[in-house]
Protein backbone atom coordinates (compact mmCIF):
# COMPACT_ATOMS: atom_id res chain seq x y z
CA MET A 1 -5.75 5.65 18.63
CA LYS A 2 -8.76 4.65 16.56
CA LYS A 3 -8.86 1.17 15.05
CA VAL A 4 -8.67 1.44 11.26
CA PRO A 5 -8.95 -1.67 9.04
CA GLY A 6 -5.80 -2.66 7.19
CA SER A 7 -7.75 -2.64 3.93
CA THR A 8 -8.54 1.05 4.48
CA ILE A 9 -4.88 1.88 5.07
CA GLY A 10 -4.03 0.01 1.89
CA ARG A 11 -6.51 2.10 -0.09
CA LEU A 12 -5.15 5.32 1.42
CA SER A 13 -1.73 4.35 0.06
CA VAL A 14 -3.28 3.80 -3.38
CA TYR A 15 -5.05 7.17 -3.20
CA LEU A 16 -1.80 8.89 -2.30
CA ARG A 17 0.07 7.40 -5.24
CA LEU A 18 -2.72 8.43 -7.60
CA LEU A 19 -2.76 11.95 -6.19
CA ASP A 20 1.00 12.20 -6.72
CA GLU A 21 0.50 11.06 -10.32
CA VAL A 22 -2.21 13.61 -11.14
CA LYS A 23 -0.28 16.36 -9.31
CA ALA A 24 2.65 15.67 -11.64
CA GLU A 25 0.20 16.08 -14.55
CA GLY A 26 -0.75 19.53 -13.26
CA VAL A 27 -4.19 18.54 -11.94
CA ARG A 28 -5.16 20.67 -8.93
CA THR A 29 -8.64 19.37 -8.10
CA LEU A 30 -10.05 15.84 -8.26
CA SER A 31 -13.55 14.54 -7.58
CA SER A 32 -14.22 11.50 -5.43
CA GLY A 33 -15.65 9.82 -8.52
CA GLU A 34 -12.49 10.35 -10.56
CA LEU A 35 -10.25 9.27 -7.69
CA ALA A 36 -12.42 6.17 -7.27
CA ARG A 37 -12.27 5.37 -10.99
CA ARG A 38 -8.49 5.56 -11.00
CA ALA A 39 -8.28 3.48 -7.80
CA GLY A 40 -10.71 0.81 -9.02
CA THR A 41 -13.27 1.41 -6.27
CA THR A 42 -16.42 3.52 -5.72
CA ALA A 43 -16.87 7.18 -4.83
CA ALA A 44 -18.79 6.09 -1.72
CA GLN A 45 -15.81 3.98 -0.61
CA VAL A 46 -13.42 6.88 -1.13
CA ARG A 47 -15.59 9.21 0.93
CA LYS A 48 -16.02 6.58 3.66
CA ASP A 49 -12.27 5.95 3.89
CA LEU A 50 -11.42 9.64 4.13
CA SER A 51 -14.23 10.39 6.60
CA LEU A 52 -12.43 8.25 9.20
CA PHE A 53 -9.75 10.95 9.40
CA GLY A 54 -11.65 14.20 8.97
CA THR A 55 -13.42 16.33 6.40
CA PHE A 56 -11.77 16.76 3.04
CA GLY A 57 -12.93 18.46 -0.14
CA LYS A 58 -15.99 20.53 -0.97
CA ARG A 59 -19.29 19.28 -2.39
CA GLY A 60 -19.50 20.09 -6.07
CA VAL A 61 -15.83 21.07 -6.20
CA GLY A 62 -13.88 17.98 -5.20
CA TYR A 63 -10.60 17.54 -3.38
CA SER A 64 -7.63 19.87 -3.54
CA VAL A 65 -4.92 17.51 -4.82
CA PRO A 66 -2.01 19.18 -2.93
CA GLN A 67 -3.98 19.44 0.31
CA LEU A 68 -5.33 15.89 0.26
CA SER A 69 -1.91 14.54 -0.71
CA ALA A 70 -0.32 16.35 2.26
CA ALA A 71 -3.07 15.11 4.59
CA LEU A 72 -2.62 11.48 3.50
CA ARG A 73 1.15 11.74 3.94
CA SER A 74 0.57 12.92 7.48
CA ILE A 75 -1.98 10.16 8.19
CA LEU A 76 0.40 7.50 6.83
CA GLY A 77 3.36 8.91 8.75
CA LEU A 78 5.25 9.85 5.60
CA GLU A 79 6.01 13.43 6.60
CA ARG A 80 9.16 12.12 8.30
CA SER A 81 11.95 9.69 7.43
CA TRP A 82 12.12 6.16 8.85
CA ARG A 83 15.37 4.33 9.49
CA VAL A 84 15.24 0.79 8.09
CA VAL A 85 17.52 -2.22 8.56
CA LEU A 86 17.46 -5.05 6.01
CA VAL A 87 18.21 -8.53 7.39
CA GLY A 88 19.06 -10.86 4.51
CA ALA A 89 21.30 -10.06 1.54
CA GLY A 90 20.12 -12.86 -0.74
CA GLN A 91 18.24 -12.38 -4.00
CA MET A 92 15.12 -10.99 -2.31
CA GLY A 93 17.16 -8.70 -0.07
CA ARG A 94 19.16 -7.34 -2.99
CA ALA A 95 15.98 -6.66 -4.95
CA LEU A 96 14.46 -4.79 -2.00
CA LEU A 97 17.65 -2.81 -1.51
CA GLY A 98 17.47 -1.63 -5.11
CA TYR A 99 13.82 -0.54 -4.85
CA GLN A 100 14.05 3.25 -5.24
CA ASP A 101 10.50 3.98 -4.08
CA PHE A 102 11.49 3.17 -0.49
CA ARG A 103 13.73 6.22 -0.24
CA ARG A 104 11.31 8.45 -2.14
CA GLN A 105 8.59 7.61 0.39
CA GLY A 106 10.84 8.26 3.36
CA PHE A 107 12.03 4.71 4.13
CA THR A 108 15.83 4.74 4.15
CA ILE A 109 17.66 1.41 4.36
CA GLU A 110 20.75 2.31 6.37
CA ALA A 111 22.13 -1.14 7.20
CA VAL A 112 22.22 -4.60 5.60
CA ILE A 113 22.85 -7.71 7.70
CA ASP A 114 23.44 -11.35 6.70
CA SER A 115 24.57 -14.57 8.35
CA ASP A 116 26.56 -15.84 5.33
CA PRO A 117 30.30 -15.15 5.76
CA ALA A 118 30.61 -15.06 1.96
CA LYS A 119 28.25 -12.08 1.81
CA VAL A 120 29.57 -10.22 4.86
CA GLY A 121 31.90 -7.42 3.79
CA GLN A 122 30.39 -7.05 0.32
CA ARG A 123 29.07 -3.62 -0.64
CA LEU A 124 25.50 -3.42 -1.94
CA GLN A 125 24.06 -0.10 -3.06
CA GLY A 126 26.86 1.61 -1.16
CA LEU A 127 26.24 -0.31 2.10
CA GLU A 128 28.60 -2.89 3.60
CA VAL A 129 26.91 -6.18 4.49
CA LEU A 130 27.35 -6.63 8.25
CA PRO A 131 27.37 -9.94 10.19
CA LEU A 132 24.22 -11.22 11.88
CA GLY A 133 26.20 -11.60 15.09
CA ARG A 134 26.22 -7.81 15.41
CA LEU A 135 22.43 -7.49 15.01
CA GLU A 136 21.71 -6.15 18.51
CA GLU A 137 24.64 -3.73 18.36
CA ILE A 138 23.48 -2.36 15.00
CA LEU A 139 19.84 -2.03 16.01
CA GLY A 140 20.95 -0.20 19.13
CA ALA A 141 21.69 2.77 16.84
CA GLY A 142 17.95 3.46 16.75
CA PHE A 143 16.24 1.80 13.80
CA ASP A 144 12.49 2.14 13.28
CA ILE A 145 11.71 -0.77 10.93
CA ALA A 146 13.32 -4.13 10.17
CA ILE A 147 12.79 -5.87 6.84
CA LEU A 148 13.27 -9.64 7.11
CA ALA A 149 14.35 -11.33 3.89
CA VAL A 150 15.68 -14.50 5.50
CA PRO A 151 14.88 -18.24 5.07
CA ALA A 152 11.68 -19.43 6.76
CA GLY A 153 13.59 -21.58 9.23
CA ALA A 154 15.56 -18.60 10.55
CA ALA A 155 12.82 -15.97 10.49
CA GLN A 156 11.32 -16.46 13.98
CA ALA A 157 14.68 -16.44 15.72
CA VAL A 158 15.69 -13.28 13.88
CA ALA A 159 12.34 -11.66 14.65
CA ASP A 160 12.77 -12.47 18.35
CA ARG A 161 16.17 -10.79 18.38
CA VAL A 162 14.83 -7.76 16.51
CA VAL A 163 12.04 -7.36 19.07
CA ARG A 164 14.43 -7.71 22.02
CA ALA A 165 16.61 -5.02 20.45
CA GLY A 166 13.70 -2.60 20.63
CA VAL A 167 12.47 -2.41 17.02
CA ARG A 168 8.67 -2.18 16.97
CA ALA A 169 7.86 -2.66 13.27
CA MET A 170 8.76 -5.47 10.89
CA LEU A 171 8.10 -6.27 7.25
CA ASN A 172 8.52 -10.02 6.77
CA PHE A 173 9.19 -11.62 3.38
CA ALA A 174 9.87 -15.11 4.77
CA PRO A 175 7.08 -17.60 3.90
CA VAL A 176 6.19 -18.28 7.53
CA LYS A 177 3.80 -16.88 10.13
CA LEU A 178 5.76 -15.09 12.81
CA GLN A 179 4.77 -14.61 16.43
CA VAL A 180 5.47 -11.18 17.90
CA PRO A 181 4.37 -9.61 21.19
CA GLU A 182 1.60 -7.06 21.47
CA GLY A 183 2.80 -3.61 20.54
CA VAL A 184 4.99 -4.83 17.66
CA ALA A 185 3.64 -4.11 14.18
CA LEU A 186 4.17 -6.98 11.75
CA LYS A 187 3.26 -7.28 8.07
CA THR A 188 4.06 -10.42 6.10
CA VAL A 189 4.35 -10.42 2.32
CA ASN A 190 3.89 -13.97 1.00
CA MET A 191 4.70 -13.99 -2.71
CA ALA A 192 3.43 -17.54 -3.18
CA LEU A 193 0.00 -16.64 -1.75
CA GLU A 194 -0.25 -13.60 -4.01
CA LEU A 195 0.59 -15.70 -7.06
CA GLU A 196 -1.91 -18.37 -6.00
CA GLY A 197 -4.57 -15.66 -5.86
CA LEU A 198 -3.72 -14.65 -9.43
CA SER A 199 -3.71 -18.31 -10.46
CA TYR A 200 -7.24 -18.70 -9.05
CA VAL A 201 -8.49 -15.70 -11.01
CA LEU A 202 -6.90 -16.90 -14.25
CA ALA A 203 -8.09 -20.50 -13.83
CA ASN A 204 -11.67 -19.44 -13.13
CA ALA A 205 -11.69 -16.96 -16.01
CA THR A 206 -10.52 -19.75 -18.33
CA ALA A 207 -13.21 -22.10 -16.99
CA GLN A 208 -15.93 -19.47 -17.44
CA ARG A 209 -14.87 -18.84 -21.05
CA ALA A 210 -14.97 -22.57 -21.72
CA VAL A 211 -18.52 -22.82 -20.31
CA ARG A 212 -19.70 -19.90 -22.44
CA GLN A 213 -18.18 -21.44 -25.56
CA GLU A 214 -19.85 -24.79 -24.87
CA GLY A 215 -23.18 -23.03 -24.37
């Protein structure tokens, strides 16, 4: 399998969402320039990203929106459904469970697990919260992806158990860097880092305005 940068995969996801939007508007053909404008990038970048996976569109005509959308879904593995287990039924876990786009994109959360006896047995979005002690038994039913929404101090131990149970993809929301063996796909979403990035942009924009005003 060819090595594709994570940034490219991220842009493909953006392109797909934009294609779905314009398809809903009745648009059938879209140029690389228009797709780039909507995605906040350049036409050259769009063409470069897509060229990694084949030839799409016609010069002077553009891309067929339905065809390119279908191709991106296939590239991103969205032509099938993925079984997802959510570990952690706290505030973050509950928010993720209520995120409707997961199901629309083929990611179905089928089980919720938590270590807190007060949460075990509750029903969230139609699912009963199951005890962490049954993690291996539950994952033995054949889950594809585990979402970890657990405290930082518990995340590595949970990740180790998930890996031993045979799950090969994890989305981690705990603010900690996890260690997983080769062959296990791991993505970590650190909300604090994302907010710090926004803080940097805002702080520097404010400083630049102040300099211009003084000048």
